């Protein structure tokens, strides 16, 4: 007698046409029928979304920024700014993969938690902007939040051998690794005036446009510090960053007996994506294996906060709390948009974020609307500042 085949887990994928989204679909092919994509959402790339819908026979489809000539056809189609949240609201699923870039992924994640779906989270902005809402809500509904970011996945894997109730009593600190981005060896003056092409030339990771810019400013690492604070319930002084240009060691966990565990692997996002999908099990990897025969050195160096002033802002947000995370993230998104539109130089991105934190007081983040209001206020402030020439010459 043989065991009956397991029913595939029902999965919703948000941000399907981006870097994480497309690699998630690669992982699902590798997992060979263990998942059924019941819903999918994208921003504006309707051509690729249509192909994904056809390839995976997906009945529920959302397009958040539809063009008038979009060619999407599906039994259930949702369009408009809140299409992803509508999609989640309409479906029952076992797991939600949130790969939307930016704060736009927050409402859908909250709704998925309320419906009891496991969350595989690549959208770090969800916790940066509303960790004080999302984490208690997940605990209330007994919903796991499984990290997809390579650094947080590494930490998550390193602490799996410890009972959840004892993690904090044994854990001394976590250390997030950072490649240093394309400007790791540049002077401060060179960084200030980097071009869009230079900022998008990441040395180790192949990522989407905005996250690559965030990596160049190291604002992405700042977001990851805040995300780690919420995911692992750690104060700011127990979260560190170290520059590791090879991107092989994805993060470290140091315990109270001075033992240090690290998770190593190629810089391939398919590995942490698949682990979030299959946790607590493991299957043959979709990502590339590490070739030990070619590995010679692993280099590490402390980050330079003077050249990369985004990092101290993360610790400021953790200490301030409230809506400061929403302000930081929204200001960052608006500033990056301004840089990509060639309206500001590269060096002004972090300056604008810091100005927003200085000018917008933090309020208690008691509900989602308060967070969204702070987000809107920060975006408006940055847009007004961009429209006004900087006295510093930026």
Protein backbone atom coordinates (compact mmCIF):
# COMPACT_ATOMS: atom_id res chain seq x y z
CA UNK A 1 0.00 0.00 0.00
CA UNK A 2 1.34 3.42 -0.95
CA UNK A 3 0.73 6.74 0.71
CA UNK A 4 -1.87 8.97 -0.92
CA UNK A 5 -0.29 11.93 -2.73
CA UNK A 6 -0.28 15.19 -0.80
CA UNK A 7 -2.57 17.93 -2.04
CA UNK A 8 -0.54 20.86 -3.40
CA UNK A 9 -0.41 23.89 -1.14
CA UNK A 10 -2.39 26.85 -2.45
CA UNK A 11 -0.14 29.85 -3.03
CA UNK A 12 -0.70 33.54 -3.79
CA UNK A 13 2.24 35.43 -5.34
CA UNK A 14 2.38 39.22 -5.14
CA UNK A 15 4.96 41.01 -7.27
CA UNK A 16 5.23 38.15 -9.77
CA UNK A 17 6.97 40.05 -12.58
CA UNK A 18 9.83 41.40 -10.45
CA UNK A 19 13.14 39.72 -9.69
CA UNK A 20 11.91 37.84 -6.60
CA UNK A 21 8.59 37.00 -8.22
CA UNK A 22 10.09 35.44 -11.34
CA UNK A 23 12.58 33.47 -9.26
CA UNK A 24 9.74 32.27 -7.02
CA UNK A 25 8.07 30.80 -10.10
CA UNK A 26 11.36 29.07 -10.98
CA UNK A 27 11.36 27.52 -7.51
CA UNK A 28 7.77 26.35 -7.95
CA UNK A 29 8.75 24.58 -11.17
CA UNK A 30 11.62 22.96 -9.30
CA UNK A 31 9.23 21.81 -6.55
CA UNK A 32 7.21 19.89 -9.15
CA UNK A 33 3.57 20.07 -8.17
CA UNK A 34 3.94 20.71 -4.43
CA UNK A 35 2.23 24.10 -4.89
CA UNK A 36 -0.71 25.40 -6.89
CA UNK A 37 -0.67 29.11 -7.72
CA UNK A 38 -4.24 30.25 -7.15
CA UNK A 39 -3.63 34.00 -7.35
CA UNK A 40 -0.99 36.29 -8.79
CA UNK A 41 -0.43 40.06 -8.77
CA UNK A 42 1.89 42.47 -10.55
CA UNK A 43 2.35 46.19 -10.94
CA UNK A 44 2.31 47.16 -14.62
CA UNK A 45 4.13 44.50 -16.68
CA UNK A 46 0.98 43.03 -18.19
CA UNK A 47 2.83 41.19 -20.98
CA UNK A 48 4.94 39.09 -18.60
CA UNK A 49 2.01 38.69 -16.21
CA UNK A 50 -0.14 37.31 -19.05
CA UNK A 51 2.56 34.77 -19.88
CA UNK A 52 2.81 33.69 -16.23
CA UNK A 53 -0.95 33.30 -16.00
CA UNK A 54 -0.94 31.07 -19.07
CA UNK A 55 2.08 29.03 -17.94
CA UNK A 56 0.63 28.28 -14.49
CA UNK A 57 -3.10 28.34 -15.38
CA UNK A 58 -3.87 30.91 -12.67
CA UNK A 59 -7.56 31.82 -12.17
CA UNK A 60 -7.23 34.96 -10.01
CA UNK A 61 -5.11 37.81 -11.39
CA UNK A 62 -4.41 41.35 -10.17
CA UNK A 63 -2.80 44.23 -12.07
CA UNK A 64 -2.23 47.24 -9.85
CA UNK A 65 -1.23 49.80 -12.51
CA UNK A 66 -3.07 48.69 -15.65
CA UNK A 67 -2.37 50.24 -19.02
CA UNK A 68 -5.42 50.89 -21.21
CA UNK A 69 -4.18 48.33 -23.75
CA UNK A 70 -3.40 45.51 -21.29
CA UNK A 71 -4.11 42.07 -22.73
CA UNK A 72 -4.90 40.19 -19.54
CA UNK A 73 -7.64 37.62 -19.50
CA UNK A 74 -8.55 35.52 -16.47
CA UNK A 75 -11.69 34.13 -14.82
CA UNK A 76 -11.21 36.64 -12.01
CA UNK A 77 -9.38 39.89 -12.79
CA UNK A 78 -8.71 42.72 -10.34
CA UNK A 79 -7.26 46.07 -11.38
CA UNK A 80 -6.34 49.31 -9.67
CA UNK A 81 -4.16 50.46 -6.77
CA UNK A 82 -5.78 48.07 -4.26
CA UNK A 83 -5.93 45.10 -6.65
CA UNK A 84 -3.47 42.99 -4.65
CA UNK A 85 -5.51 43.42 -1.47
CA UNK A 86 -8.69 42.57 -3.38
CA UNK A 87 -7.03 39.42 -4.69
CA UNK A 88 -6.05 38.29 -1.19
CA UNK A 89 -9.47 39.15 0.17
CA UNK A 90 -11.18 37.01 -2.48
CA UNK A 91 -9.07 33.88 -2.02
CA UNK A 92 -8.37 31.15 0.47
CA UNK A 93 -4.73 30.04 0.33
CA UNK A 94 -2.13 28.33 2.48
CA UNK A 95 0.78 30.68 1.82
CA UNK A 96 1.28 34.23 0.55
CA UNK A 97 4.57 35.20 -1.07
CA UNK A 98 4.91 38.98 -0.86
CA UNK A 99 7.52 40.11 -3.39
CA UNK A 100 6.04 43.56 -4.02
CA UNK A 101 8.64 46.32 -3.82
CA UNK A 102 7.80 49.13 -1.42
CA UNK A 103 5.06 49.92 1.06
CA UNK A 104 2.38 48.95 -1.47
CA UNK A 105 2.58 45.38 -0.21
CA UNK A 106 1.48 46.20 3.33
CA UNK A 107 -2.37 46.10 3.13
CA UNK A 108 -2.39 42.74 1.32
CA UNK A 109 -0.06 41.22 3.88
CA UNK A 110 -2.23 42.38 6.77
CA UNK A 111 -5.31 40.88 5.13
CA UNK A 112 -3.50 37.57 4.47
CA UNK A 113 -2.47 37.35 8.13
CA UNK A 114 -6.04 37.99 9.22
CA UNK A 115 -7.10 35.09 6.99
CA UNK A 116 -4.48 32.78 8.54
CA UNK A 117 -2.11 32.44 5.58
CA UNK A 118 1.58 31.70 6.17
CA UNK A 119 3.62 34.70 4.99
CA UNK A 120 6.80 34.24 2.95
CA UNK A 121 8.12 37.79 3.12
CA UNK A 122 10.44 39.42 0.62
CA UNK A 123 8.76 42.80 1.10
CA UNK A 124 10.89 44.15 3.96
CA UNK A 125 8.95 47.42 3.87
CA UNK A 126 6.00 45.63 5.50
CA UNK A 127 7.93 45.34 8.76
CA UNK A 128 9.91 48.57 8.39
CA UNK A 129 6.70 50.60 8.14
CA UNK A 130 4.36 48.59 10.35
CA UNK A 131 6.27 45.96 12.30
CA UNK A 132 4.50 47.03 15.50
CA UNK A 133 1.18 46.14 13.85
CA UNK A 134 2.17 43.14 11.71
CA UNK A 135 4.10 41.06 14.25
CA UNK A 136 1.44 41.14 17.04
CA UNK A 137 -1.22 40.43 14.42
CA UNK A 138 0.74 37.40 13.18
CA UNK A 139 1.09 36.14 16.75
CA UNK A 140 -2.63 36.63 17.36
CA UNK A 141 -3.53 34.52 14.30
CA UNK A 142 -0.67 32.03 14.84
CA UNK A 143 0.76 32.88 11.42
CA UNK A 144 4.46 32.21 10.67
CA UNK A 145 6.39 35.06 9.06
CA UNK A 146 9.10 33.33 7.00
CA UNK A 147 11.87 35.63 5.69
CA UNK A 148 12.95 35.51 2.06
CA UNK A 149 15.72 38.13 2.29
CA UNK A 150 18.96 36.16 2.15
CA UNK A 151 20.30 37.76 5.34
CA UNK A 152 17.19 37.12 7.41
CA UNK A 153 16.81 33.64 5.98
CA UNK A 154 20.40 32.96 7.07
CA UNK A 155 19.67 34.12 10.62
CA UNK A 156 16.42 32.15 10.68
CA UNK A 157 18.26 29.00 9.60
CA UNK A 158 21.05 29.50 12.15
CA UNK A 159 18.62 29.67 15.06
CA UNK A 160 16.49 26.71 13.98
CA UNK A 161 18.40 24.38 16.30
CA UNK A 162 17.21 26.37 19.34
CA UNK A 163 13.76 26.13 20.85
CA UNK A 164 11.82 29.28 20.01
CA UNK A 165 11.24 30.11 23.66
CA UNK A 166 14.98 30.10 24.36
CA UNK A 167 16.32 31.94 21.35
CA UNK A 168 16.71 35.35 22.98
CA UNK A 169 18.21 33.96 26.18
CA UNK A 170 21.00 32.24 24.20
CA UNK A 171 21.47 34.77 21.42
CA UNK A 172 24.02 37.52 21.97
CA UNK A 173 23.72 39.36 18.66
CA UNK A 174 23.13 38.97 14.95
CA UNK A 175 25.41 40.30 12.23
CA UNK A 176 23.96 41.11 8.83
CA UNK A 177 26.43 40.88 5.98
CA UNK A 178 26.45 43.48 3.20
CA UNK A 179 28.27 43.36 -0.11
CA UNK A 180 29.06 47.06 0.10
CA UNK A 181 27.42 47.56 -3.28
CA UNK A 182 29.07 49.18 -6.29
CA UNK A 183 30.59 52.01 -4.25
CA UNK A 184 32.32 50.02 -1.51
CA UNK A 185 35.76 51.44 -2.39
CA UNK A 186 34.63 54.86 -3.64
CA UNK A 187 35.38 58.10 -1.84
CA UNK A 188 32.56 60.12 -0.31
CA UNK A 189 32.84 62.77 -3.03
CA UNK A 190 32.70 60.15 -5.79
CA UNK A 191 29.62 58.56 -4.25
CA UNK A 192 27.79 61.89 -4.04
CA UNK A 193 27.75 62.28 -7.81
CA UNK A 194 27.38 58.67 -8.98
CA UNK A 195 25.30 58.17 -12.11
CA UNK A 196 22.24 55.97 -12.46
CA UNK A 197 24.20 53.46 -14.52
CA UNK A 198 26.96 53.30 -11.93
CA UNK A 199 24.47 52.82 -9.08
CA UNK A 200 22.77 49.97 -10.96
CA UNK A 201 26.05 48.11 -11.53
CA UNK A 202 25.89 45.79 -8.50
CA UNK A 203 28.97 43.55 -8.18
CA UNK A 204 27.34 40.34 -6.89
CA UNK A 205 23.52 40.38 -6.90
CA UNK A 206 21.09 40.57 -9.84
CA UNK A 207 18.12 42.52 -8.48
CA UNK A 208 15.39 44.91 -9.53
CA UNK A 209 16.11 48.58 -10.22
CA UNK A 210 14.94 50.17 -6.98
CA UNK A 211 16.43 47.57 -4.65
CA UNK A 212 19.74 47.89 -6.53
CA UNK A 213 19.73 51.65 -5.92
CA UNK A 214 18.91 50.95 -2.26
CA UNK A 215 21.89 48.61 -2.11
CA UNK A 216 24.15 51.30 -3.59
CA UNK A 217 23.15 53.79 -0.86
CA UNK A 218 23.13 50.93 1.69
CA UNK A 219 19.60 52.03 2.56
CA UNK A 220 18.60 48.45 1.77
CA UNK A 221 20.79 47.31 4.65
CA UNK A 222 19.22 49.96 6.87
CA UNK A 223 15.81 48.49 6.06
CA UNK A 224 17.15 45.03 6.85
CA UNK A 225 18.36 46.18 10.28
CA UNK A 226 14.84 47.39 11.10
CA UNK A 227 13.31 44.23 9.64
CA UNK A 228 15.61 42.08 11.77
CA UNK A 229 14.57 44.04 14.86
CA UNK A 230 10.96 42.99 14.28
CA UNK A 231 11.53 39.47 12.98
CA UNK A 232 13.83 38.38 15.79
CA UNK A 233 12.62 40.69 18.57
CA UNK A 234 16.05 42.22 19.16
CA UNK A 235 17.01 45.73 20.29
CA UNK A 236 19.21 47.94 18.13
CA UNK A 237 22.39 47.24 20.12
CA UNK A 238 22.19 43.52 19.29
CA UNK A 239 22.07 43.99 15.52
CA UNK A 240 25.31 44.67 13.65
CA UNK A 241 26.43 44.94 10.02
CA UNK A 242 29.67 43.83 8.41
CA UNK A 243 30.83 44.33 4.82
CA UNK A 244 31.49 41.06 3.00
CA UNK A 245 32.11 41.72 -0.72
CA UNK A 246 31.93 38.09 -1.88
CA UNK A 247 28.30 37.69 -0.64
CA UNK A 248 28.96 34.06 0.34
CA UNK A 249 28.33 34.28 4.11
CA UNK A 250 24.79 35.63 4.26
CA UNK A 251 24.72 36.50 7.97
CA UNK A 252 26.00 35.42 11.39
CA UNK A 253 24.43 34.57 14.71
CA UNK A 254 26.57 34.89 17.84
CA UNK A 255 25.45 33.10 21.01
CA UNK A 256 26.22 33.91 24.63
CA UNK A 257 28.96 31.27 24.81
CA UNK A 258 30.74 33.14 21.94
CA UNK A 259 29.89 30.44 19.40
CA UNK A 260 29.10 31.90 15.98
CA UNK A 261 27.00 30.22 13.31
CA UNK A 262 26.86 31.36 9.69
CA UNK A 263 24.86 30.29 6.66
CA UNK A 264 26.89 30.18 3.45
CA UNK A 265 25.86 29.83 -0.16
CA UNK A 266 26.06 31.40 -3.58
CA UNK A 267 24.47 34.84 -4.04
CA UNK A 268 21.35 33.25 -5.51
CA UNK A 269 17.94 34.30 -4.19
CA UNK A 270 16.33 31.04 -5.27
CA UNK A 271 17.85 29.31 -2.24
CA UNK A 272 16.18 31.47 0.47
CA UNK A 273 12.98 31.67 -1.59
CA UNK A 274 12.68 27.89 -1.77
CA UNK A 275 13.48 27.46 1.93
CA UNK A 276 10.67 29.86 2.84
CA UNK A 277 8.31 27.89 0.62
CA UNK A 278 9.21 24.45 1.98
CA UNK A 279 10.08 25.22 5.62
CA UNK A 280 10.65 23.24 7.77
CA UNK A 281 11.54 20.74 5.02
CA UNK A 282 14.27 20.94 2.39
CA UNK A 283 14.27 19.69 -1.19
CA UNK A 284 16.80 19.66 -4.01
CA UNK A 285 17.73 23.28 -4.55
CA UNK A 286 16.63 25.47 -7.42
CA UNK A 287 19.64 27.75 -6.90
CA UNK A 288 23.25 27.22 -7.89
CA UNK A 289 25.44 25.24 -5.46
CA UNK A 290 28.59 26.71 -3.96
CA UNK A 291 31.73 25.49 -5.74
CA UNK A 292 34.19 24.96 -2.91
CA UNK A 293 37.05 24.29 -5.35
CA UNK A 294 36.98 27.94 -6.43
CA UNK A 295 36.60 29.46 -2.95
CA UNK A 296 39.85 31.02 -1.76
CA UNK A 297 39.12 33.93 0.58
CA UNK A 298 36.24 35.50 2.48
CA UNK A 299 36.83 39.17 3.28
CA UNK A 300 35.16 41.25 5.98
CA UNK A 301 35.41 44.89 7.01
CA UNK A 302 33.36 47.27 9.17
CA UNK A 303 30.95 49.61 7.40
CA UNK A 304 31.88 53.28 6.99
CA UNK A 305 28.99 55.34 8.37
CA UNK A 306 30.47 58.56 7.01
CA UNK A 307 30.40 57.35 3.40
CA UNK A 308 27.16 55.42 3.93
CA UNK A 309 25.05 57.51 6.33
CA UNK A 310 21.90 55.44 5.71
CA UNK A 311 22.97 52.84 8.28
CA UNK A 312 22.75 55.07 11.40
CA UNK A 313 19.21 56.05 10.37
CA UNK A 314 18.09 52.46 10.92
CA UNK A 315 19.17 52.50 14.56
CA UNK A 316 17.52 55.89 14.98
CA UNK A 317 14.22 54.46 13.71
CA UNK A 318 14.40 51.47 16.04
CA UNK A 319 15.01 53.72 19.04
CA UNK A 320 12.32 56.24 18.00
CA UNK A 321 9.66 53.68 17.08
CA UNK A 322 6.13 54.67 16.10
CA UNK A 323 5.65 55.92 12.57
CA UNK A 324 9.35 56.74 12.04
CA UNK A 325 9.82 53.56 10.01
CA UNK A 326 7.00 54.54 7.68
CA UNK A 327 8.54 58.00 7.29
CA UNK A 328 11.99 56.60 6.52
CA UNK A 329 10.72 54.12 3.95
CA UNK A 330 8.33 56.49 2.18
CA UNK A 331 10.96 59.23 2.02
CA UNK A 332 13.43 56.72 0.63
CA UNK A 333 11.02 55.55 -2.07
CA UNK A 334 10.22 59.10 -3.12
CA UNK A 335 13.90 60.09 -3.14
CA UNK A 336 14.89 57.05 -5.23
CA UNK A 337 12.15 57.90 -7.73
CA UNK A 338 13.53 61.43 -7.95
CA UNK A 339 17.05 60.09 -8.57
CA UNK A 340 15.87 57.67 -11.26
CA UNK A 341 14.01 60.57 -12.90
CA UNK A 342 17.32 62.51 -12.87
CA UNK A 343 15.88 65.22 -10.63
CA UNK A 344 18.43 64.88 -7.83
CA UNK A 345 22.03 63.61 -7.57
CA UNK A 346 22.74 60.29 -5.92
CA UNK A 347 24.15 61.89 -2.79
CA UNK A 348 20.89 63.63 -2.00
CA UNK A 349 18.85 60.42 -1.57
CA UNK A 350 19.88 59.76 2.03
CA UNK A 351 19.92 63.49 2.82
CA UNK A 352 16.24 63.70 1.94
CA UNK A 353 15.41 60.70 4.11
CA UNK A 354 17.19 62.22 7.09
CA UNK A 355 15.42 65.54 6.54
CA UNK A 356 12.07 63.76 6.54
CA UNK A 357 12.90 62.07 9.84
CA UNK A 358 13.95 65.44 11.28
CA UNK A 359 10.81 67.29 10.18
CA UNK A 360 8.03 64.74 10.64
CA UNK A 361 7.43 63.83 14.30
CA UNK A 362 6.90 60.16 15.06
CA UNK A 363 3.39 59.23 16.23
CA UNK A 364 2.24 55.99 17.87
CA UNK A 365 1.59 53.46 15.09
CA UNK A 366 -1.62 52.13 16.58
CA UNK A 367 -3.40 51.28 13.34
CA UNK A 368 -2.76 50.86 9.63
CA UNK A 369 -4.31 54.21 8.67
CA UNK A 370 -1.89 56.10 10.92
CA UNK A 371 1.01 54.35 9.20
CA UNK A 372 -0.38 55.12 5.74
CA UNK A 373 -0.89 58.78 6.70
CA UNK A 374 2.74 59.07 7.80
CA UNK A 375 3.79 57.41 4.54
CA UNK A 376 1.82 59.97 2.51
CA UNK A 377 3.18 62.89 4.53
CA UNK A 378 6.79 61.80 3.98
CA UNK A 379 6.32 61.35 0.25
CA UNK A 380 4.78 64.80 -0.07
CA UNK A 381 7.59 66.39 1.91
CA UNK A 382 10.28 64.79 -0.24
CA UNK A 383 8.53 65.83 -3.44
CA UNK A 384 8.38 69.41 -2.22
CA UNK A 385 12.06 69.34 -1.23
CA UNK A 386 13.03 67.92 -4.62
CA UNK A 387 11.22 70.79 -6.27
CA UNK A 388 13.28 73.23 -4.17
CA UNK A 389 17.02 73.60 -4.98
CA UNK A 390 19.24 72.47 -2.10
CA UNK A 391 21.40 75.14 -0.45
CA UNK A 392 24.15 72.52 -0.18
CA UNK A 393 24.41 72.38 -3.95
CA UNK A 394 22.68 69.02 -4.28
